[in-house]
């Protein structure tokens, strides 16, 4: 949501960075079953 950092890093880079990190965040969210148990 931050237009300032996007303007410095570039929209294309931030979009890609978020795609990578969101994939990792979703994987981490799905991997906590040991703690759940």
ModelCIF file with pLDDT and N, C-alpha, C, O atoms, coordinates in Angstrom:
data_MODEL
#
_entry.id   MODEL 
#
_entity.id                         1 
_entity.type                       polymer 
_entity.pdbx_number_of_molecules   1 
#
_entity_poly.entity_id                      1 
_entity_poly.type                           'polypeptide(L)' 
_entity_poly.nstd_linkage                   no 
_entity_poly.nstd_monomer                   no 
_entity_poly.pdbx_seq_one_letter_code       
;(UNK)(UNK)(UNK)(UNK)(UNK)(UNK)(UNK)(UNK)(UNK)(UNK)(UNK)(UNK)(UNK)(UNK)(UNK)(UNK)
(UNK)(UNK)(UNK)(UNK)(UNK)(UNK)(UNK)(UNK)(UNK)(UNK)(UNK)(UNK)(UNK)(UNK)(UNK)(UNK)
(UNK)(UNK)(UNK)(UNK)(UNK)
;
_entity_poly.pdbx_seq_one_letter_code_can   XXXXXXXXXXXXXXXXXXXXXXXXXXXXXXXXXXXXX 
_entity_poly.pdbx_strand_id                 A 
#
loop_
_entity_poly_seq.entity_id 
_entity_poly_seq.num 
_entity_poly_seq.mon_id 
_entity_poly_seq.hetero 
1 1  UNK n 
1 2  UNK n 
1 3  UNK n 
1 4  UNK n 
1 5  UNK n 
1 6  UNK n 
1 7  UNK n 
1 8  UNK n 
1 9  UNK n 
1 10 UNK n 
1 11 UNK n 
1 12 UNK n 
1 13 UNK n 
1 14 UNK n 
1 15 UNK n 
1 16 UNK n 
1 17 UNK n 
1 18 UNK n 
1 19 UNK n 
1 20 UNK n 
1 21 UNK n 
1 22 UNK n 
1 23 UNK n 
1 24 UNK n 
1 25 UNK n 
1 26 UNK n 
1 27 UNK n 
1 28 UNK n 
1 29 UNK n 
1 30 UNK n 
1 31 UNK n 
1 32 UNK n 
1 33 UNK n 
1 34 UNK n 
1 35 UNK n 
1 36 UNK n 
1 37 UNK n 
#
_struct_asym.id          A 
_struct_asym.entity_id   1 
#
loop_
_ma_qa_metric.id 
_ma_qa_metric.mode 
_ma_qa_metric.name 
_ma_qa_metric.software_group_id 
_ma_qa_metric.type 
1 global pLDDT . pLDDT 
2 local  pLDDT . pLDDT 
#
_ma_qa_metric_global.metric_id      1 
_ma_qa_metric_global.metric_value   92.27 
_ma_qa_metric_global.model_id       1 
_ma_qa_metric_global.ordinal_id     1 
#
loop_
_ma_qa_metric_local.label_asym_id 
_ma_qa_metric_local.label_comp_id 
_ma_qa_metric_local.label_seq_id 
_ma_qa_metric_local.metric_id 
_ma_qa_metric_local.metric_value 
_ma_qa_metric_local.model_id 
_ma_qa_metric_local.ordinal_id 
A UNK 1  2 97.00 1 1  
A UNK 2  2 97.00 1 2  
A UNK 3  2 97.00 1 3  
A UNK 4  2 98.00 1 4  
A UNK 5  2 97.00 1 5  
A UNK 6  2 98.00 1 6  
A UNK 7  2 98.00 1 7  
A UNK 8  2 98.00 1 8  
A UNK 9  2 98.00 1 9  
A UNK 10 2 97.00 1 10 
A UNK 11 2 98.00 1 11 
A UNK 12 2 98.00 1 12 
A UNK 13 2 98.00 1 13 
A UNK 14 2 98.00 1 14 
A UNK 15 2 98.00 1 15 
A UNK 16 2 98.00 1 16 
A UNK 17 2 98.00 1 17 
A UNK 18 2 98.00 1 18 
A UNK 19 2 98.00 1 19 
A UNK 20 2 98.00 1 20 
A UNK 21 2 98.00 1 21 
A UNK 22 2 97.00 1 22 
A UNK 23 2 96.00 1 23 
A UNK 24 2 96.00 1 24 
A UNK 25 2 96.00 1 25 
A UNK 26 2 94.00 1 26 
A UNK 27 2 91.00 1 27 
A UNK 28 2 90.00 1 28 
A UNK 29 2 86.00 1 29 
A UNK 30 2 84.00 1 30 
A UNK 31 2 80.00 1 31 
A UNK 32 2 69.00 1 32 
A UNK 33 2 73.00 1 33 
A UNK 34 2 75.00 1 34 
A UNK 35 2 77.00 1 35 
A UNK 36 2 78.00 1 36 
A UNK 37 2 79.00 1 37 
#
loop_
_atom_site.group_PDB 
_atom_site.id 
_atom_site.type_symbol 
_atom_site.label_atom_id 
_atom_site.label_alt_id 
_atom_site.label_comp_id 
_atom_site.label_asym_id 
_atom_site.label_entity_id 
_atom_site.label_seq_id 
_atom_site.pdbx_PDB_ins_code 
_atom_site.Cartn_x 
_atom_site.Cartn_y 
_atom_site.Cartn_z 
_atom_site.occupancy 
_atom_site.B_iso_or_equiv 
_atom_site.pdbx_formal_charge 
_atom_site.auth_seq_id 
_atom_site.auth_comp_id 
_atom_site.auth_asym_id 
_atom_site.auth_atom_id 
_atom_site.pdbx_PDB_model_num 
ATOM 1   N N  . UNK A 1 1  ? 0.803  -1.221  0.000   1.00 97.00 ? 1  UNK A N  1 
ATOM 2   C CA . UNK A 1 1  ? 0.000  0.000   0.000   1.00 97.00 ? 1  UNK A CA 1 
ATOM 3   C C  . UNK A 1 1  ? 0.839  1.274   0.000   1.00 97.00 ? 1  UNK A C  1 
ATOM 4   O O  . UNK A 1 1  ? 0.286  2.372   -0.071  1.00 97.00 ? 1  UNK A O  1 
ATOM 5   N N  . UNK A 1 2  ? 2.151  1.150   0.077   1.00 97.00 ? 2  UNK A N  1 
ATOM 6   C CA . UNK A 1 2  ? 3.005  2.320   0.248   1.00 97.00 ? 2  UNK A CA 1 
ATOM 7   C C  . UNK A 1 2  ? 3.534  2.810   -1.094  1.00 97.00 ? 2  UNK A C  1 
ATOM 8   O O  . UNK A 1 2  ? 4.328  2.126   -1.741  1.00 97.00 ? 2  UNK A O  1 
ATOM 9   N N  . UNK A 1 3  ? 3.098  3.983   -1.506  1.00 97.00 ? 3  UNK A N  1 
ATOM 10  C CA . UNK A 1 3  ? 3.514  4.507   -2.810  1.00 97.00 ? 3  UNK A CA 1 
ATOM 11  C C  . UNK A 1 3  ? 4.949  5.029   -2.794  1.00 97.00 ? 3  UNK A C  1 
ATOM 12  O O  . UNK A 1 3  ? 5.611  5.052   -3.832  1.00 97.00 ? 3  UNK A O  1 
ATOM 13  N N  . UNK A 1 4  ? 5.433  5.449   -1.623  1.00 98.00 ? 4  UNK A N  1 
ATOM 14  C CA . UNK A 1 4  ? 6.772  6.037   -1.555  1.00 98.00 ? 4  UNK A CA 1 
ATOM 15  C C  . UNK A 1 4  ? 7.852  5.007   -1.850  1.00 98.00 ? 4  UNK A C  1 
ATOM 16  O O  . UNK A 1 4  ? 8.678  5.212   -2.740  1.00 98.00 ? 4  UNK A O  1 
ATOM 17  N N  . UNK A 1 5  ? 7.854  3.897   -1.110  1.00 97.00 ? 5  UNK A N  1 
ATOM 18  C CA . UNK A 1 5  ? 8.877  2.878   -1.353  1.00 97.00 ? 5  UNK A CA 1 
ATOM 19  C C  . UNK A 1 5  ? 8.736  2.284   -2.746  1.00 97.00 ? 5  UNK A C  1 
ATOM 20  O O  . UNK A 1 5  ? 9.738  1.974   -3.392  1.00 97.00 ? 5  UNK A O  1 
ATOM 21  N N  . UNK A 1 6  ? 7.513  2.123   -3.213  1.00 98.00 ? 6  UNK A N  1 
ATOM 22  C CA . UNK A 1 6  ? 7.299  1.587   -4.562  1.00 98.00 ? 6  UNK A CA 1 
ATOM 23  C C  . UNK A 1 6  ? 7.962  2.492   -5.595  1.00 98.00 ? 6  UNK A C  1 
ATOM 24  O O  . UNK A 1 6  ? 8.518  2.007   -6.580  1.00 98.00 ? 6  UNK A O  1 
ATOM 25  N N  . UNK A 1 7  ? 7.904  3.812   -5.373  1.00 98.00 ? 7  UNK A N  1 
ATOM 26  C CA . UNK A 1 7  ? 8.499  4.734   -6.335  1.00 98.00 ? 7  UNK A CA 1 
ATOM 27  C C  . UNK A 1 7  ? 10.014 4.616   -6.364  1.00 98.00 ? 7  UNK A C  1 
ATOM 28  O O  . UNK A 1 7  ? 10.634 4.870   -7.397  1.00 98.00 ? 7  UNK A O  1 
ATOM 29  N N  . UNK A 1 8  ? 10.618 4.236   -5.247  1.00 98.00 ? 8  UNK A N  1 
ATOM 30  C CA . UNK A 1 8  ? 12.076 4.080   -5.195  1.00 98.00 ? 8  UNK A CA 1 
ATOM 31  C C  . UNK A 1 8  ? 12.517 2.705   -5.696  1.00 98.00 ? 8  UNK A C  1 
ATOM 32  O O  . UNK A 1 8  ? 13.474 2.603   -6.464  1.00 98.00 ? 8  UNK A O  1 
ATOM 33  N N  . UNK A 1 9  ? 11.839 1.668   -5.276  1.00 98.00 ? 9  UNK A N  1 
ATOM 34  C CA . UNK A 1 9  ? 12.226 0.303   -5.645  1.00 98.00 ? 9  UNK A CA 1 
ATOM 35  C C  . UNK A 1 9  ? 11.743 -0.081  -7.037  1.00 98.00 ? 9  UNK A C  1 
ATOM 36  O O  . UNK A 1 9  ? 12.305 -0.977  -7.666  1.00 98.00 ? 9  UNK A O  1 
ATOM 37  N N  . UNK A 1 10 ? 10.721 0.584   -7.511  1.00 97.00 ? 10 UNK A N  1 
ATOM 38  C CA . UNK A 1 10 ? 10.123 0.244   -8.790  1.00 97.00 ? 10 UNK A CA 1 
ATOM 39  C C  . UNK A 1 10 ? 8.930  -0.665  -8.612  1.00 97.00 ? 10 UNK A C  1 
ATOM 40  O O  . UNK A 1 10 ? 8.990  -1.648  -7.873  1.00 97.00 ? 10 UNK A O  1 
ATOM 41  N N  . UNK A 1 11 ? 7.841  -0.332  -9.292  1.00 98.00 ? 11 UNK A N  1 
ATOM 42  C CA . UNK A 1 11 ? 6.604  -1.115  -9.158  1.00 98.00 ? 11 UNK A CA 1 
ATOM 43  C C  . UNK A 1 11 ? 6.811  -2.569  -9.557  1.00 98.00 ? 11 UNK A C  1 
ATOM 44  O O  . UNK A 1 11 ? 6.253  -3.476  -8.940  1.00 98.00 ? 11 UNK A O  1 
ATOM 45  N N  . UNK A 1 12 ? 7.616  -2.788  -10.593 1.00 98.00 ? 12 UNK A N  1 
ATOM 46  C CA . UNK A 1 12 ? 7.842  -4.151  -11.067 1.00 98.00 ? 12 UNK A CA 1 
ATOM 47  C C  . UNK A 1 12 ? 8.581  -4.981  -10.026 1.00 98.00 ? 12 UNK A C  1 
ATOM 48  O O  . UNK A 1 12 ? 8.253  -6.148  -9.812  1.00 98.00 ? 12 UNK A O  1 
ATOM 49  N N  . UNK A 1 13 ? 9.585  -4.380  -9.376  1.00 98.00 ? 13 UNK A N  1 
ATOM 50  C CA . UNK A 1 13 ? 10.327 -5.120  -8.353  1.00 98.00 ? 13 UNK A CA 1 
ATOM 51  C C  . UNK A 1 13 ? 9.446  -5.406  -7.138  1.00 98.00 ? 13 UNK A C  1 
ATOM 52  O O  . UNK A 1 13 ? 9.421  -6.536  -6.650  1.00 98.00 ? 13 UNK A O  1 
ATOM 53  N N  . UNK A 1 14 ? 8.726  -4.402  -6.646  1.00 98.00 ? 14 UNK A N  1 
ATOM 54  C CA . UNK A 1 14 ? 7.894  -4.608  -5.458  1.00 98.00 ? 14 UNK A CA 1 
ATOM 55  C C  . UNK A 1 14 ? 6.825  -5.665  -5.726  1.00 98.00 ? 14 UNK A C  1 
ATOM 56  O O  . UNK A 1 14 ? 6.544  -6.498  -4.864  1.00 98.00 ? 14 UNK A O  1 
ATOM 57  N N  . UNK A 1 15 ? 6.232  -5.634  -6.912  1.00 98.00 ? 15 UNK A N  1 
ATOM 58  C CA . UNK A 1 15 ? 5.237  -6.644  -7.261  1.00 98.00 ? 15 UNK A CA 1 
ATOM 59  C C  . UNK A 1 15 ? 5.840  -8.044  -7.201  1.00 98.00 ? 15 UNK A C  1 
ATOM 60  O O  . UNK A 1 15 ? 5.230  -8.964  -6.656  1.00 98.00 ? 15 UNK A O  1 
ATOM 61  N N  . UNK A 1 16 ? 7.033  -8.201  -7.759  1.00 98.00 ? 16 UNK A N  1 
ATOM 62  C CA . UNK A 1 16 ? 7.693  -9.502  -7.747  1.00 98.00 ? 16 UNK A CA 1 
ATOM 63  C C  . UNK A 1 16 ? 8.088  -9.897  -6.327  1.00 98.00 ? 16 UNK A C  1 
ATOM 64  O O  . UNK A 1 16 ? 7.893  -11.044 -5.923  1.00 98.00 ? 16 UNK A O  1 
ATOM 65  N N  . UNK A 1 17 ? 8.644  -8.948  -5.569  1.00 98.00 ? 17 UNK A N  1 
ATOM 66  C CA . UNK A 1 17 ? 9.030  -9.227  -4.187  1.00 98.00 ? 17 UNK A CA 1 
ATOM 67  C C  . UNK A 1 17 ? 7.831  -9.708  -3.376  1.00 98.00 ? 17 UNK A C  1 
ATOM 68  O O  . UNK A 1 17 ? 7.931  -10.669 -2.615  1.00 98.00 ? 17 UNK A O  1 
ATOM 69  N N  . UNK A 1 18 ? 6.703  -9.034  -3.546  1.00 98.00 ? 18 UNK A N  1 
ATOM 70  C CA . UNK A 1 18 ? 5.498  -9.432  -2.821  1.00 98.00 ? 18 UNK A CA 1 
ATOM 71  C C  . UNK A 1 18 ? 5.009  -10.807 -3.258  1.00 98.00 ? 18 UNK A C  1 
ATOM 72  O O  . UNK A 1 18 ? 4.545  -11.584 -2.423  1.00 98.00 ? 18 UNK A O  1 
ATOM 73  N N  . UNK A 1 19 ? 5.101  -11.123 -4.539  1.00 98.00 ? 19 UNK A N  1 
ATOM 74  C CA . UNK A 1 19 ? 4.701  -12.456 -4.996  1.00 98.00 ? 19 UNK A CA 1 
ATOM 75  C C  . UNK A 1 19 ? 5.530  -13.545 -4.322  1.00 98.00 ? 19 UNK A C  1 
ATOM 76  O O  . UNK A 1 19 ? 4.996  -14.575 -3.910  1.00 98.00 ? 19 UNK A O  1 
ATOM 77  N N  . UNK A 1 20 ? 6.833  -13.311 -4.213  1.00 98.00 ? 20 UNK A N  1 
ATOM 78  C CA . UNK A 1 20 ? 7.707  -14.302 -3.572  1.00 98.00 ? 20 UNK A CA 1 
ATOM 79  C C  . UNK A 1 20 ? 7.380  -14.413 -2.091  1.00 98.00 ? 20 UNK A C  1 
ATOM 80  O O  . UNK A 1 20 ? 7.205  -15.514 -1.568  1.00 98.00 ? 20 UNK A O  1 
ATOM 81  N N  . UNK A 1 21 ? 7.300  -13.278 -1.421  1.00 98.00 ? 21 UNK A N  1 
ATOM 82  C CA . UNK A 1 21 ? 7.069  -13.308 0.026   1.00 98.00 ? 21 UNK A CA 1 
ATOM 83  C C  . UNK A 1 21 ? 5.664  -13.807 0.372   1.00 98.00 ? 21 UNK A C  1 
ATOM 84  O O  . UNK A 1 21 ? 5.487  -14.519 1.360   1.00 98.00 ? 21 UNK A O  1 
ATOM 85  N N  . UNK A 1 22 ? 4.678  -13.442 -0.427  1.00 97.00 ? 22 UNK A N  1 
ATOM 86  C CA . UNK A 1 22 ? 3.314  -13.935 -0.152  1.00 97.00 ? 22 UNK A CA 1 
ATOM 87  C C  . UNK A 1 22 ? 3.237  -15.443 -0.330  1.00 97.00 ? 22 UNK A C  1 
ATOM 88  O O  . UNK A 1 22 ? 2.539  -16.118 0.426   1.00 97.00 ? 22 UNK A O  1 
ATOM 89  N N  . UNK A 1 23 ? 3.947  -15.984 -1.321  1.00 96.00 ? 23 UNK A N  1 
ATOM 90  C CA . UNK A 1 23 ? 3.994  -17.438 -1.482  1.00 96.00 ? 23 UNK A CA 1 
ATOM 91  C C  . UNK A 1 23 ? 4.620  -18.089 -0.254  1.00 96.00 ? 23 UNK A C  1 
ATOM 92  O O  . UNK A 1 23 ? 4.130  -19.112 0.226   1.00 96.00 ? 23 UNK A O  1 
ATOM 93  N N  . UNK A 1 24 ? 5.698  -17.503 0.254   1.00 96.00 ? 24 UNK A N  1 
ATOM 94  C CA . UNK A 1 24 ? 6.359  -18.045 1.448   1.00 96.00 ? 24 UNK A CA 1 
ATOM 95  C C  . UNK A 1 24 ? 5.464  -17.914 2.675   1.00 96.00 ? 24 UNK A C  1 
ATOM 96  O O  . UNK A 1 24 ? 5.394  -18.824 3.501   1.00 96.00 ? 24 UNK A O  1 
ATOM 97  N N  . UNK A 1 25 ? 4.778  -16.775 2.788   1.00 96.00 ? 25 UNK A N  1 
ATOM 98  C CA . UNK A 1 25 ? 3.911  -16.566 3.953   1.00 96.00 ? 25 UNK A CA 1 
ATOM 99  C C  . UNK A 1 25 ? 2.769  -17.565 3.971   1.00 96.00 ? 25 UNK A C  1 
ATOM 100 O O  . UNK A 1 25 ? 2.416  -18.093 5.025   1.00 96.00 ? 25 UNK A O  1 
ATOM 101 N N  . UNK A 1 26 ? 2.191  -17.827 2.807   1.00 94.00 ? 26 UNK A N  1 
ATOM 102 C CA . UNK A 1 26 ? 1.113  -18.807 2.734   1.00 94.00 ? 26 UNK A CA 1 
ATOM 103 C C  . UNK A 1 26 ? 1.627  -20.211 3.053   1.00 94.00 ? 26 UNK A C  1 
ATOM 104 O O  . UNK A 1 26 ? 0.946  -20.981 3.730   1.00 94.00 ? 26 UNK A O  1 
ATOM 105 N N  . UNK A 1 27 ? 2.824  -20.546 2.571   1.00 91.00 ? 27 UNK A N  1 
ATOM 106 C CA . UNK A 1 27 ? 3.405  -21.856 2.866   1.00 91.00 ? 27 UNK A CA 1 
ATOM 107 C C  . UNK A 1 27 ? 3.673  -21.995 4.364   1.00 91.00 ? 27 UNK A C  1 
ATOM 108 O O  . UNK A 1 27 ? 3.413  -23.046 4.950   1.00 91.00 ? 27 UNK A O  1 
ATOM 109 N N  . UNK A 1 28 ? 4.198  -20.923 4.984   1.00 90.00 ? 28 UNK A N  1 
ATOM 110 C CA . UNK A 1 28 ? 4.456  -20.958 6.426   1.00 90.00 ? 28 UNK A CA 1 
ATOM 111 C C  . UNK A 1 28 ? 3.158  -21.124 7.204   1.00 90.00 ? 28 UNK A C  1 
ATOM 112 O O  . UNK A 1 28 ? 3.111  -21.854 8.194   1.00 90.00 ? 28 UNK A O  1 
ATOM 113 N N  . UNK A 1 29 ? 2.110  -20.451 6.758   1.00 86.00 ? 29 UNK A N  1 
ATOM 114 C CA . UNK A 1 29 ? 0.814  -20.562 7.430   1.00 86.00 ? 29 UNK A CA 1 
ATOM 115 C C  . UNK A 1 29 ? 0.279  -21.993 7.375   1.00 86.00 ? 29 UNK A C  1 
ATOM 116 O O  . UNK A 1 29 ? -0.386 -22.451 8.304   1.00 86.00 ? 29 UNK A O  1 
ATOM 117 N N  . UNK A 1 30 ? 0.573  -22.694 6.277   1.00 84.00 ? 30 UNK A N  1 
ATOM 118 C CA . UNK A 1 30 ? 0.088  -24.068 6.129   1.00 84.00 ? 30 UNK A CA 1 
ATOM 119 C C  . UNK A 1 30 ? 0.964  -25.096 6.844   1.00 84.00 ? 30 UNK A C  1 
ATOM 120 O O  . UNK A 1 30 ? 0.595  -26.268 6.917   1.00 84.00 ? 30 UNK A O  1 
ATOM 121 N N  . UNK A 1 31 ? 2.119  -24.677 7.373   1.00 80.00 ? 31 UNK A N  1 
ATOM 122 C CA . UNK A 1 31 ? 3.090  -25.664 7.857   1.00 80.00 ? 31 UNK A CA 1 
ATOM 123 C C  . UNK A 1 31 ? 3.181  -25.766 9.368   1.00 80.00 ? 31 UNK A C  1 
ATOM 124 O O  . UNK A 1 31 ? 4.102  -26.398 9.884   1.00 80.00 ? 31 UNK A O  1 
ATOM 125 N N  . UNK A 1 32 ? 2.250  -25.161 10.086  1.00 69.00 ? 32 UNK A N  1 
ATOM 126 C CA . UNK A 1 32 ? 2.353  -25.143 11.541  1.00 69.00 ? 32 UNK A CA 1 
ATOM 127 C C  . UNK A 1 32 ? 1.585  -26.272 12.225  1.00 69.00 ? 32 UNK A C  1 
ATOM 128 O O  . UNK A 1 32 ? 1.200  -26.130 13.385  1.00 69.00 ? 32 UNK A O  1 
ATOM 129 N N  . UNK A 1 33 ? 1.357  -27.376 11.542  1.00 73.00 ? 33 UNK A N  1 
ATOM 130 C CA . UNK A 1 33 ? 0.489  -28.410 12.113  1.00 73.00 ? 33 UNK A CA 1 
ATOM 131 C C  . UNK A 1 33 ? 1.077  -29.062 13.366  1.00 73.00 ? 33 UNK A C  1 
ATOM 132 O O  . UNK A 1 33 ? 0.320  -29.468 14.247  1.00 73.00 ? 33 UNK A O  1 
ATOM 133 N N  . UNK A 1 34 ? 2.387  -29.172 13.469  1.00 75.00 ? 34 UNK A N  1 
ATOM 134 C CA . UNK A 1 34 ? 2.990  -29.761 14.668  1.00 75.00 ? 34 UNK A CA 1 
ATOM 135 C C  . UNK A 1 34 ? 2.624  -28.928 15.894  1.00 75.00 ? 34 UNK A C  1 
ATOM 136 O O  . UNK A 1 34 ? 2.251  -29.471 16.933  1.00 75.00 ? 34 UNK A O  1 
ATOM 137 N N  . UNK A 1 35 ? 2.734  -27.602 15.763  1.00 77.00 ? 35 UNK A N  1 
ATOM 138 C CA . UNK A 1 35 ? 2.360  -26.734 16.867  1.00 77.00 ? 35 UNK A CA 1 
ATOM 139 C C  . UNK A 1 35 ? 0.858  -26.806 17.128  1.00 77.00 ? 35 UNK A C  1 
ATOM 140 O O  . UNK A 1 35 ? 0.426  -26.767 18.280  1.00 77.00 ? 35 UNK A O  1 
ATOM 141 N N  . UNK A 1 36 ? 0.060  -26.911 16.064  1.00 78.00 ? 36 UNK A N  1 
ATOM 142 C CA . UNK A 1 36 ? -1.386 -27.039 16.237  1.00 78.00 ? 36 UNK A CA 1 
ATOM 143 C C  . UNK A 1 36 ? -1.732 -28.286 17.042  1.00 78.00 ? 36 UNK A C  1 
ATOM 144 O O  . UNK A 1 36 ? -2.553 -28.238 17.958  1.00 78.00 ? 36 UNK A O  1 
ATOM 145 N N  . UNK A 1 37 ? -1.100 -29.401 16.693  1.00 79.00 ? 37 UNK A N  1 
ATOM 146 C CA . UNK A 1 37 ? -1.377 -30.650 17.402  1.00 79.00 ? 37 UNK A CA 1 
ATOM 147 C C  . UNK A 1 37 ? -0.991 -30.537 18.873  1.00 79.00 ? 37 UNK A C  1 
ATOM 148 O O  . UNK A 1 37 ? -1.154 -31.495 19.630  1.00 79.00 ? 37 UNK A O  1 
#
